[in-house]
Amino acid sequence: MTALASQREFHFTQQDFDFLRRLANQHTGIVVSDDKFDMFYSRLSRRVRALGLPDFAAYCNYLKLGDDEAELTELVNAITTNLTAFFRENHHFEYLRDHALPERMRVNGDRRISIWSAGCSTGEEPYSIGMVVGEMASLQGWEVDITATDIDSDVLAKASRGIYRMDRVEGLPRERLRRWFFKGKGHQKGMVRVKPELRQRISFRQLNLMQPWQQEPMEIIFCRNVIIYFDKESKIRLVERFADVIKPGGFLFIGHSESLFKATDRFELIGKTIYRRVK
C-alpha cells in the first residue's frame, strides 16, 4: 500500500477505478486515462461519503444496480473537466464576427441564424458569442438564436445564473465590461453579473452528446475542447451528426488541440481549427 493510499478515507482499488471509468465511457464517450486514478478518488470520494457507503467497492455496487439515474449524473458531473474563459481562443470570435456571420447573412433569406455552443461549461463561451452578436450593428433586425448545452448539470446551473468572480472578466475591454455586466454589490461584491439583455439571448439546456438527440438545423456550431476526450469511434459518430445538423456551407469551430483529420470528409479546414461543411 502506498503512503497516499494509506491516508485515504475510503479504500479505492484499480478494479474500482476501471469499473467507474468504463461506466463513464459508456455513458459519455469520454476516454479516461490511467493517470486520472487520483483525480477519480478526489472527486468521487464526496459521493461515497454523501451516500454513507464504506468504500468505493460499495459505490460501484450501488451504481451497478442502475436504480439511481441521479447518481449517474453526479458521477458525470464529478469527472467532467470544465476549463473555460471569456473569449478563449479569441481568433474564433474574430472569425465569427468578420467572416462566419456575414457569410451566413448573405445566404439566409429568412433573416434568422442559429448558433450552438455544444459543451458550454460554465457559460463563458456562449456569452462571448452573444456579445459578438450584440455588438454587430449589421445584425439589427435579425433573429439570432444561441443554444448552449452541456452534460454537466452543475456547470449549466452556474452558466444560467451568469454570475462570475471579477477575476474571470479582467481580460475584457472596459467598454465591453460596462455594456454587458453589472458589478456586484453587498454580498456579491467582487462578482459580476451578466445583464439580462445578454442572458436572454441564450437558451441553456442539458444534453449528453453521446445520447440520441435532435437539433434544429444550425448555421454555426462551437464544440471546442470536447472531442479530445472521446475515443475515435465516438468522435467520428459525433462529427457526422454535427455534419447532419449544420447547414451546407455552415461552420464548425473546434478546440486548439483538436483536428478532424481522418475523421470525416464532410468538412474542409478553412482556418485555425475552423471548418466549413462541404457535404
C-alpha atoms as a PDB file:
ATOM      1  CA  MET A   1       0.000   0.000   0.000  1.00  0.00           C
ATOM      2  CA  THR A   2       1.391   3.415  -0.948  1.00  0.00           C
ATOM      3  CA  ALA A   3       1.638   6.266   1.564  1.00  0.00           C
ATOM      4  CA  LEU A   4      -1.085   8.118  -0.336  1.00  0.00           C
ATOM      5  CA  ALA A   5      -3.402   5.101  -0.271  1.00  0.00           C
ATOM      6  CA  SER A   6      -2.919   4.677   3.480  1.00  0.00           C
ATOM      7  CA  GLN A   7      -4.025   8.270   4.023  1.00  0.00           C
ATOM      8  CA  ARG A   8      -7.258   7.900   2.066  1.00  0.00           C
ATOM      9  CA  GLU A   9     -10.590   7.930   3.824  1.00  0.00           C
ATOM     10  CA  PHE A  10     -12.019   5.214   1.555  1.00  0.00           C
ATOM     11  CA  HIS A  11     -10.444   2.088   0.065  1.00  0.00           C
ATOM     12  CA  PHE A  12     -10.077   2.581  -3.696  1.00  0.00           C
ATOM     13  CA  THR A  13      -8.679  -0.132  -5.958  1.00  0.00           C
ATOM     14  CA  GLN A  14      -7.685  -0.390  -9.599  1.00  0.00           C
ATOM     15  CA  GLN A  15     -10.753  -2.578 -10.114  1.00  0.00           C
ATOM     16  CA  ASP A  16     -12.974   0.204  -8.738  1.00  0.00           C
ATOM     17  CA  PHE A  17     -11.284   2.738 -10.998  1.00  0.00           C
ATOM     18  CA  ASP A  18     -11.622   0.540 -14.089  1.00  0.00           C
ATOM     19  CA  PHE A  19     -15.327  -0.010 -13.458  1.00  0.00           C
ATOM     20  CA  LEU A  20     -16.035   3.691 -12.909  1.00  0.00           C
ATOM     21  CA  ARG A  21     -14.124   4.864 -15.974  1.00  0.00           C
ATOM     22  CA  ARG A  22     -15.743   2.160 -18.104  1.00  0.00           C
ATOM     23  CA  LEU A  23     -19.174   3.272 -16.898  1.00  0.00           C
ATOM     24  CA  ALA A  24     -18.294   6.892 -17.604  1.00  0.00           C
ATOM     25  CA  ASN A  25     -17.149   5.984 -21.105  1.00  0.00           C
ATOM     26  CA  GLN A  26     -20.340   4.034 -21.833  1.00  0.00           C
ATOM     27  CA  HIS A  27     -22.463   6.994 -20.777  1.00  0.00           C
ATOM     28  CA  THR A  28     -20.470   9.891 -22.219  1.00  0.00           C
ATOM     29  CA  GLY A  29     -17.909   8.579 -24.730  1.00  0.00           C
ATOM     30  CA  ILE A  30     -15.148  10.175 -22.654  1.00  0.00           C
ATOM     31  CA  VAL A  31     -11.907   8.216 -22.515  1.00  0.00           C
ATOM     32  CA  VAL A  32     -10.318   8.275 -19.048  1.00  0.00           C
ATOM     33  CA  SER A  33      -6.576   7.646 -19.000  1.00  0.00           C
ATOM     34  CA  ASP A  34      -4.639   5.760 -16.334  1.00  0.00           C
ATOM     35  CA  ASP A  35      -3.244   8.957 -14.837  1.00  0.00           C
ATOM     36  CA  LYS A  36      -6.727  10.033 -13.691  1.00  0.00           C
ATOM     37  CA  PHE A  37      -6.769   7.481 -10.842  1.00  0.00           C
ATOM     38  CA  ASP A  38      -6.143  10.041  -8.090  1.00  0.00           C
ATOM     39  CA  MET A  39      -8.476  12.553  -9.709  1.00  0.00           C
ATOM     40  CA  PHE A  40     -11.301  10.000  -9.656  1.00  0.00           C
ATOM     41  CA  TYR A  41     -10.719   9.340  -5.976  1.00  0.00           C
ATOM     42  CA  SER A  42     -10.563  13.026  -5.113  1.00  0.00           C
ATOM     43  CA  ARG A  43     -13.734  13.977  -6.972  1.00  0.00           C
ATOM     44  CA  LEU A  44     -15.848  10.918  -6.173  1.00  0.00           C
ATOM     45  CA  SER A  45     -14.984  10.384  -2.523  1.00  0.00           C
ATOM     46  CA  ARG A  46     -17.545  13.038  -1.613  1.00  0.00           C
ATOM     47  CA  ARG A  47     -20.214  10.925  -3.340  1.00  0.00           C
ATOM     48  CA  VAL A  48     -19.187   7.853  -1.335  1.00  0.00           C
ATOM     49  CA  ARG A  49     -19.403   9.974   1.789  1.00  0.00           C
ATOM     50  CA  ALA A  50     -22.750  11.538   0.852  1.00  0.00           C
ATOM     51  CA  LEU A  51     -24.309   8.104   0.271  1.00  0.00           C
ATOM     52  CA  GLY A  52     -22.987   6.799   3.580  1.00  0.00           C
ATOM     53  CA  LEU A  53     -21.057   3.974   1.908  1.00  0.00           C
ATOM     54  CA  PRO A  54     -17.987   2.306   3.469  1.00  0.00           C
ATOM     55  CA  ASP A  55     -15.742   2.248   0.377  1.00  0.00           C
ATOM     56  CA  PHE A  56     -15.577   2.543  -3.404  1.00  0.00           C
ATOM     57  CA  ALA A  57     -16.466  -1.108  -3.929  1.00  0.00           C
ATOM     58  CA  ALA A  58     -19.822  -0.396  -2.309  1.00  0.00           C
ATOM     59  CA  TYR A  59     -20.191   2.699  -4.509  1.00  0.00           C
ATOM     60  CA  CYS A  60     -19.524   0.616  -7.631  1.00  0.00           C
ATOM     61  CA  ASN A  61     -22.093  -1.955  -6.496  1.00  0.00           C
ATOM     62  CA  TYR A  62     -24.584   0.853  -5.911  1.00  0.00           C
ATOM     63  CA  LEU A  63     -24.103   2.101  -9.481  1.00  0.00           C
ATOM     64  CA  LYS A  64     -24.346  -1.456 -10.856  1.00  0.00           C
ATOM     65  CA  LEU A  65     -27.902  -1.673  -9.555  1.00  0.00           C
ATOM     66  CA  GLY A  66     -28.834   1.048 -12.066  1.00  0.00           C
ATOM     67  CA  ASP A  67     -31.674   2.294  -9.891  1.00  0.00           C
ATOM     68  CA  ASP A  68     -30.397   5.834  -9.383  1.00  0.00           C
ATOM     69  CA  GLU A  69     -30.143   7.927 -12.564  1.00  0.00           C
ATOM     70  CA  ALA A  70     -29.376  10.979 -10.440  1.00  0.00           C
ATOM     71  CA  GLU A  71     -26.235   9.327  -9.107  1.00  0.00           C
ATOM     72  CA  LEU A  72     -25.055   8.593 -12.636  1.00  0.00           C
ATOM     73  CA  THR A  73     -25.439  12.324 -13.288  1.00  0.00           C
ATOM     74  CA  GLU A  74     -23.398  13.017 -10.142  1.00  0.00           C
ATOM     75  CA  LEU A  75     -20.674  10.697 -11.464  1.00  0.00           C
ATOM     76  CA  VAL A  76     -20.556  12.529 -14.792  1.00  0.00           C
ATOM     77  CA  ASN A  77     -20.574  15.947 -13.101  1.00  0.00           C
ATOM     78  CA  ALA A  78     -17.688  14.930 -10.849  1.00  0.00           C
ATOM     79  CA  ILE A  79     -15.353  13.684 -13.571  1.00  0.00           C
ATOM     80  CA  THR A  80     -16.109  16.221 -16.303  1.00  0.00           C
ATOM     81  CA  THR A  81     -13.326  18.749 -16.802  1.00  0.00           C
ATOM     82  CA  ASN A  82     -14.605  22.307 -17.194  1.00  0.00           C
ATOM     83  CA  LEU A  83     -11.827  24.690 -18.170  1.00  0.00           C
ATOM     84  CA  THR A  84     -13.029  27.786 -19.976  1.00  0.00           C
ATOM     85  CA  ALA A  85     -12.742  31.564 -20.201  1.00  0.00           C
ATOM     86  CA  PHE A  86     -14.418  34.506 -21.882  1.00  0.00           C
ATOM     87  CA  PHE A  87     -13.177  34.845 -25.484  1.00  0.00           C
ATOM     88  CA  ARG A  88     -10.875  31.848 -25.100  1.00  0.00           C
ATOM     89  CA  GLU A  89      -9.068  31.298 -28.432  1.00  0.00           C
ATOM     90  CA  ASN A  90     -10.109  34.795 -29.452  1.00  0.00           C
ATOM     91  CA  HIS A  91      -9.343  34.244 -33.150  1.00  0.00           C
ATOM     92  CA  HIS A  92     -12.521  32.145 -33.308  1.00  0.00           C
ATOM     93  CA  PHE A  93     -14.663  35.060 -32.192  1.00  0.00           C
ATOM     94  CA  GLU A  94     -12.909  37.411 -34.600  1.00  0.00           C
ATOM     95  CA  TYR A  95     -13.631  34.971 -37.429  1.00  0.00           C
ATOM     96  CA  LEU A  96     -17.227  34.652 -36.258  1.00  0.00           C
ATOM     97  CA  ARG A  97     -17.646  38.451 -36.424  1.00  0.00           C
ATOM     98  CA  ASP A  98     -15.677  39.169 -39.584  1.00  0.00           C
ATOM     99  CA  HIS A  99     -16.446  36.145 -41.767  1.00  0.00           C
ATOM    100  CA  ALA A 100     -18.807  33.431 -40.496  1.00  0.00           C
ATOM    101  CA  LEU A 101     -21.777  35.600 -39.536  1.00  0.00           C
ATOM    102  CA  PRO A 102     -21.549  37.965 -42.556  1.00  0.00           C
ATOM    103  CA  GLU A 103     -21.270  34.956 -44.888  1.00  0.00           C
ATOM    104  CA  ARG A 104     -24.341  33.271 -43.393  1.00  0.00           C
ATOM    105  CA  MET A 105     -26.252  36.571 -43.553  1.00  0.00           C
ATOM    106  CA  ARG A 106     -25.636  36.752 -47.284  1.00  0.00           C
ATOM    107  CA  VAL A 107     -27.226  33.347 -47.934  1.00  0.00           C
ATOM    108  CA  ASN A 108     -30.073  33.449 -45.412  1.00  0.00           C
ATOM    109  CA  GLY A 109     -33.290  34.892 -46.752  1.00  0.00           C
ATOM    110  CA  ASP A 110     -35.298  34.427 -43.552  1.00  0.00           C
ATOM    111  CA  ARG A 111     -33.069  36.786 -41.502  1.00  0.00           C
ATOM    112  CA  ARG A 112     -32.536  34.097 -38.855  1.00  0.00           C
ATOM    113  CA  ILE A 113     -29.286  32.492 -37.695  1.00  0.00           C
ATOM    114  CA  SER A 114     -28.898  29.606 -35.242  1.00  0.00           C
ATOM    115  CA  ILE A 115     -25.702  29.024 -33.260  1.00  0.00           C
ATOM    116  CA  TRP A 116     -24.974  26.118 -30.922  1.00  0.00           C
ATOM    117  CA  SER A 117     -22.384  26.058 -28.143  1.00  0.00           C
ATOM    118  CA  ALA A 118     -22.053  22.294 -27.568  1.00  0.00           C
ATOM    119  CA  GLY A 119     -20.171  21.710 -24.330  1.00  0.00           C
ATOM    120  CA  CYS A 120     -20.733  25.203 -22.970  1.00  0.00           C
ATOM    121  CA  SER A 121     -19.357  24.511 -19.465  1.00  0.00           C
ATOM    122  CA  THR A 122     -19.962  27.458 -17.112  1.00  0.00           C
ATOM    123  CA  GLY A 123     -21.211  29.725 -19.894  1.00  0.00           C
ATOM    124  CA  GLU A 124     -18.255  31.873 -20.883  1.00  0.00           C
ATOM    125  CA  GLU A 125     -18.307  30.612 -24.485  1.00  0.00           C
ATOM    126  CA  PRO A 126     -21.997  31.246 -25.279  1.00  0.00           C
ATOM    127  CA  TYR A 127     -21.904  34.607 -23.508  1.00  0.00           C
ATOM    128  CA  SER A 128     -18.855  35.531 -25.618  1.00  0.00           C
ATOM    129  CA  ILE A 129     -20.810  34.544 -28.741  1.00  0.00           C
ATOM    130  CA  GLY A 130     -23.748  36.615 -27.501  1.00  0.00           C
ATOM    131  CA  MET A 131     -21.522  39.669 -27.009  1.00  0.00           C
ATOM    132  CA  VAL A 132     -20.185  39.370 -30.560  1.00  0.00           C
ATOM    133  CA  VAL A 133     -23.735  39.130 -31.915  1.00  0.00           C
ATOM    134  CA  GLY A 134     -24.950  42.042 -29.804  1.00  0.00           C
ATOM    135  CA  GLU A 135     -22.094  44.273 -30.937  1.00  0.00           C
ATOM    136  CA  MET A 136     -22.699  43.747 -34.672  1.00  0.00           C
ATOM    137  CA  ALA A 137     -24.835  46.604 -35.977  1.00  0.00           C
ATOM    138  CA  SER A 138     -25.377  44.688 -39.221  1.00  0.00           C
ATOM    139  CA  LEU A 139     -27.404  42.076 -37.301  1.00  0.00           C
ATOM    140  CA  GLN A 140     -30.082  44.555 -36.233  1.00  0.00           C
ATOM    141  CA  GLY A 141     -33.411  43.165 -37.390  1.00  0.00           C
ATOM    142  CA  TRP A 142     -32.064  39.603 -37.458  1.00  0.00           C
ATOM    143  CA  GLU A 143     -33.170  36.832 -35.124  1.00  0.00           C
ATOM    144  CA  VAL A 144     -30.069  35.088 -33.763  1.00  0.00           C
ATOM    145  CA  ASP A 145     -30.768  32.022 -31.625  1.00  0.00           C
ATOM    146  CA  ILE A 146     -27.931  30.814 -29.384  1.00  0.00           C
ATOM    147  CA  THR A 147     -28.356  27.375 -27.839  1.00  0.00           C
ATOM    148  CA  ALA A 148     -25.905  26.293 -25.118  1.00  0.00           C
ATOM    149  CA  THR A 149     -25.722  22.695 -23.884  1.00  0.00           C
ATOM    150  CA  ASP A 150     -23.573  20.637 -21.541  1.00  0.00           C
ATOM    151  CA  ILE A 151     -23.766  17.197 -19.963  1.00  0.00           C
ATOM    152  CA  ASP A 152     -22.854  18.599 -16.515  1.00  0.00           C
ATOM    153  CA  SER A 153     -25.956  19.898 -14.713  1.00  0.00           C
ATOM    154  CA  ASP A 154     -23.862  21.759 -12.108  1.00  0.00           C
ATOM    155  CA  VAL A 155     -21.973  23.924 -14.596  1.00  0.00           C
ATOM    156  CA  LEU A 156     -25.185  24.549 -16.545  1.00  0.00           C
ATOM    157  CA  ALA A 157     -26.810  25.954 -13.412  1.00  0.00           C
ATOM    158  CA  LYS A 158     -23.857  28.298 -12.962  1.00  0.00           C
ATOM    159  CA  ALA A 159     -23.962  29.309 -16.621  1.00  0.00           C
ATOM    160  CA  SER A 160     -27.662  30.077 -16.413  1.00  0.00           C
ATOM    161  CA  ARG A 161     -27.137  32.303 -13.353  1.00  0.00           C
ATOM    162  CA  GLY A 162     -24.468  34.288 -15.203  1.00  0.00           C
ATOM    163  CA  ILE A 163     -22.582  35.329 -12.054  1.00  0.00           C
ATOM    164  CA  TYR A 164     -18.766  35.280 -12.105  1.00  0.00           C
ATOM    165  CA  ARG A 165     -15.832  36.351  -9.982  1.00  0.00           C
ATOM    166  CA  MET A 166     -14.334  39.665 -11.044  1.00  0.00           C
ATOM    167  CA  ASP A 167     -11.058  37.993 -11.990  1.00  0.00           C
ATOM    168  CA  ARG A 168     -12.906  35.960 -14.662  1.00  0.00           C
ATOM    169  CA  VAL A 169     -13.604  39.129 -16.667  1.00  0.00           C
ATOM    170  CA  GLU A 170     -10.414  41.107 -16.027  1.00  0.00           C
ATOM    171  CA  GLY A 171      -9.213  40.471 -19.579  1.00  0.00           C
ATOM    172  CA  LEU A 172     -12.270  42.086 -21.178  1.00  0.00           C
ATOM    173  CA  PRO A 173     -12.055  45.641 -22.531  1.00  0.00           C
ATOM    174  CA  ARG A 174     -13.597  48.165 -20.137  1.00  0.00           C
ATOM    175  CA  GLU A 175     -16.248  49.206 -22.662  1.00  0.00           C
ATOM    176  CA  ARG A 176     -17.376  45.599 -23.183  1.00  0.00           C
ATOM    177  CA  LEU A 177     -17.428  45.006 -19.434  1.00  0.00           C
ATOM    178  CA  ARG A 178     -19.635  48.063 -18.852  1.00  0.00           C
ATOM    179  CA  ARG A 179     -22.024  47.147 -21.642  1.00  0.00           C
ATOM    180  CA  TRP A 180     -22.667  43.531 -20.724  1.00  0.00           C
ATOM    181  CA  PHE A 181     -22.126  43.164 -16.951  1.00  0.00           C
ATOM    182  CA  PHE A 182     -23.354  44.594 -13.660  1.00  0.00           C
ATOM    183  CA  LYS A 183     -20.801  44.962 -10.880  1.00  0.00           C
ATOM    184  CA  GLY A 184     -21.838  43.084  -7.755  1.00  0.00           C
ATOM    185  CA  LYS A 185     -22.716  44.946  -4.568  1.00  0.00           C
ATOM    186  CA  GLY A 186     -23.241  43.917  -0.961  1.00  0.00           C
ATOM    187  CA  HIS A 187     -22.822  40.155  -0.550  1.00  0.00           C
ATOM    188  CA  GLN A 188     -21.936  39.923  -4.260  1.00  0.00           C
ATOM    189  CA  LYS A 189     -19.056  42.373  -4.022  1.00  0.00           C
ATOM    190  CA  GLY A 190     -16.122  41.120  -6.073  1.00  0.00           C
ATOM    191  CA  MET A 191     -18.520  39.466  -8.526  1.00  0.00           C
ATOM    192  CA  VAL A 192     -20.110  40.483 -11.831  1.00  0.00           C
ATOM    193  CA  ARG A 193     -23.492  39.523 -13.241  1.00  0.00           C
ATOM    194  CA  VAL A 194     -24.430  39.179 -16.901  1.00  0.00           C
ATOM    195  CA  LYS A 195     -27.021  41.783 -17.895  1.00  0.00           C
ATOM    196  CA  PRO A 196     -30.482  40.481 -18.860  1.00  0.00           C
ATOM    197  CA  GLU A 197     -30.034  41.701 -22.441  1.00  0.00           C
ATOM    198  CA  LEU A 198     -27.178  39.221 -22.896  1.00  0.00           C
ATOM    199  CA  ARG A 199     -28.615  36.445 -20.734  1.00  0.00           C
ATOM    200  CA  GLN A 200     -31.874  36.435 -22.705  1.00  0.00           C
ATOM    201  CA  ARG A 201     -30.038  35.789 -25.967  1.00  0.00           C
ATOM    202  CA  ILE A 202     -29.074  32.292 -24.842  1.00  0.00           C
ATOM    203  CA  SER A 203     -31.076  29.129 -24.198  1.00  0.00           C
ATOM    204  CA  PHE A 204     -29.327  26.719 -21.788  1.00  0.00           C
ATOM    205  CA  ARG A 205     -30.221  23.042 -21.546  1.00  0.00           C
ATOM    206  CA  GLN A 206     -28.648  19.762 -20.517  1.00  0.00           C
ATOM    207  CA  LEU A 207     -27.565  17.401 -23.291  1.00  0.00           C
ATOM    208  CA  ASN A 208     -25.383  14.309 -23.494  1.00  0.00           C
ATOM    209  CA  LEU A 209     -23.760  14.415 -26.932  1.00  0.00           C
ATOM    210  CA  MET A 210     -23.383  10.641 -26.919  1.00  0.00           C
ATOM    211  CA  GLN A 211     -27.093  10.006 -26.360  1.00  0.00           C
ATOM    212  CA  PRO A 212     -29.819  10.350 -29.038  1.00  0.00           C
ATOM    213  CA  TRP A 213     -30.654  13.986 -29.639  1.00  0.00           C
ATOM    214  CA  GLN A 214     -32.479  16.106 -32.158  1.00  0.00           C
ATOM    215  CA  GLN A 215     -31.326  19.596 -33.020  1.00  0.00           C
ATOM    216  CA  GLU A 216     -32.721  22.049 -35.498  1.00  0.00           C
ATOM    217  CA  PRO A 217     -30.514  22.986 -38.481  1.00  0.00           C
ATOM    218  CA  MET A 218     -27.637  25.210 -37.397  1.00  0.00           C
ATOM    219  CA  GLU A 219     -25.538  27.811 -39.169  1.00  0.00           C
ATOM    220  CA  ILE A 220     -22.648  27.549 -36.731  1.00  0.00           C
ATOM    221  CA  ILE A 221     -21.548  25.086 -34.042  1.00  0.00           C
ATOM    222  CA  PHE A 222     -18.872  25.673 -31.416  1.00  0.00           C
ATOM    223  CA  CYS A 223     -17.711  22.351 -29.951  1.00  0.00           C
ATOM    224  CA  ARG A 224     -14.318  23.187 -28.541  1.00  0.00           C
ATOM    225  CA  ASN A 225     -12.134  21.037 -26.287  1.00  0.00           C
ATOM    226  CA  VAL A 226     -14.802  18.336 -26.155  1.00  0.00           C
ATOM    227  CA  ILE A 227     -13.975  15.703 -28.769  1.00  0.00           C
ATOM    228  CA  ILE A 228     -10.432  15.452 -27.452  1.00  0.00           C
ATOM    229  CA  TYR A 229     -11.838  13.376 -24.583  1.00  0.00           C
ATOM    230  CA  PHE A 230     -13.688  10.904 -26.852  1.00  0.00           C
ATOM    231  CA  ASP A 231     -12.496   7.642 -28.309  1.00  0.00           C
ATOM    232  CA  LYS A 232     -12.074   7.548 -32.101  1.00  0.00           C
ATOM    233  CA  GLU A 233     -15.407   5.853 -32.801  1.00  0.00           C
ATOM    234  CA  SER A 234     -17.365   8.309 -30.625  1.00  0.00           C
ATOM    235  CA  LYS A 235     -15.547  11.254 -32.190  1.00  0.00           C
ATOM    236  CA  ILE A 236     -16.383  10.141 -35.744  1.00  0.00           C
ATOM    237  CA  ARG A 237     -20.009   9.495 -34.842  1.00  0.00           C
ATOM    238  CA  LEU A 238     -20.384  12.928 -33.222  1.00  0.00           C
ATOM    239  CA  VAL A 239     -18.731  14.788 -36.108  1.00  0.00           C
ATOM    240  CA  GLU A 240     -21.026  13.036 -38.587  1.00  0.00           C
ATOM    241  CA  ARG A 241     -24.038  14.081 -36.530  1.00  0.00           C
ATOM    242  CA  PHE A 242     -22.769  17.662 -36.500  1.00  0.00           C
ATOM    243  CA  ALA A 243     -22.475  17.497 -40.294  1.00  0.00           C
ATOM    244  CA  ASP A 244     -26.098  16.361 -40.470  1.00  0.00           C
ATOM    245  CA  VAL A 245     -27.175  19.364 -38.372  1.00  0.00           C
ATOM    246  CA  ILE A 246     -25.019  22.126 -39.842  1.00  0.00           C
ATOM    247  CA  LYS A 247     -26.472  23.694 -42.969  1.00  0.00           C
ATOM    248  CA  PRO A 248     -24.381  23.332 -46.146  1.00  0.00           C
ATOM    249  CA  GLY A 249     -21.665  25.973 -46.016  1.00  0.00           C
ATOM    250  CA  GLY A 250     -22.083  26.373 -42.256  1.00  0.00           C
ATOM    251  CA  PHE A 251     -19.224  26.395 -39.762  1.00  0.00           C
ATOM    252  CA  LEU A 252     -17.807  24.143 -37.042  1.00  0.00           C
ATOM    253  CA  PHE A 253     -15.313  25.539 -34.521  1.00  0.00           C
ATOM    254  CA  ILE A 254     -13.255  23.016 -32.500  1.00  0.00           C
ATOM    255  CA  GLY A 255     -10.508  23.318 -29.865  1.00  0.00           C
ATOM    256  CA  HIS A 256      -6.909  24.359 -30.473  1.00  0.00           C
ATOM    257  CA  SER A 257      -5.566  20.828 -29.851  1.00  0.00           C
ATOM    258  CA  GLU A 258      -8.270  19.043 -31.857  1.00  0.00           C
ATOM    259  CA  SER A 259      -8.491  18.019 -35.511  1.00  0.00           C
ATOM    260  CA  LEU A 260     -10.941  16.366 -37.894  1.00  0.00           C
ATOM    261  CA  PHE A 261      -8.098  14.755 -39.860  1.00  0.00           C
ATOM    262  CA  LYS A 262      -9.181  11.255 -40.957  1.00  0.00           C
ATOM    263  CA  ALA A 263     -12.436  11.669 -39.016  1.00  0.00           C
ATOM    264  CA  THR A 264     -14.670  12.901 -41.856  1.00  0.00           C
ATOM    265  CA  ASP A 265     -14.668  14.215 -45.413  1.00  0.00           C
ATOM    266  CA  ARG A 266     -17.748  16.368 -44.854  1.00  0.00           C
ATOM    267  CA  PHE A 267     -15.815  19.409 -43.629  1.00  0.00           C
ATOM    268  CA  GLU A 268     -12.955  21.420 -45.085  1.00  0.00           C
ATOM    269  CA  LEU A 269     -10.388  23.205 -42.923  1.00  0.00           C
ATOM    270  CA  ILE A 270     -10.585  26.947 -43.644  1.00  0.00           C
ATOM    271  CA  GLY A 271      -8.728  28.429 -40.680  1.00  0.00           C
ATOM    272  CA  LYS A 272      -7.062  27.522 -37.405  1.00  0.00           C
ATOM    273  CA  THR A 273      -9.439  24.790 -36.100  1.00  0.00           C
ATOM    274  CA  ILE A 274     -12.275  26.321 -38.142  1.00  0.00           C
ATOM    275  CA  TYR A 275     -14.160  24.079 -40.584  1.00  0.00           C
ATOM    276  CA  ARG A 276     -16.849  24.571 -43.222  1.00  0.00           C
ATOM    277  CA  ARG A 277     -19.365  21.874 -44.100  1.00  0.00           C
ATOM    278  CA  VAL A 278     -18.943  20.814 -47.720  1.00  0.00           C
ATOM    279  CA  LYS A 279     -21.004  17.593 -47.869  1.00  0.00           C
END
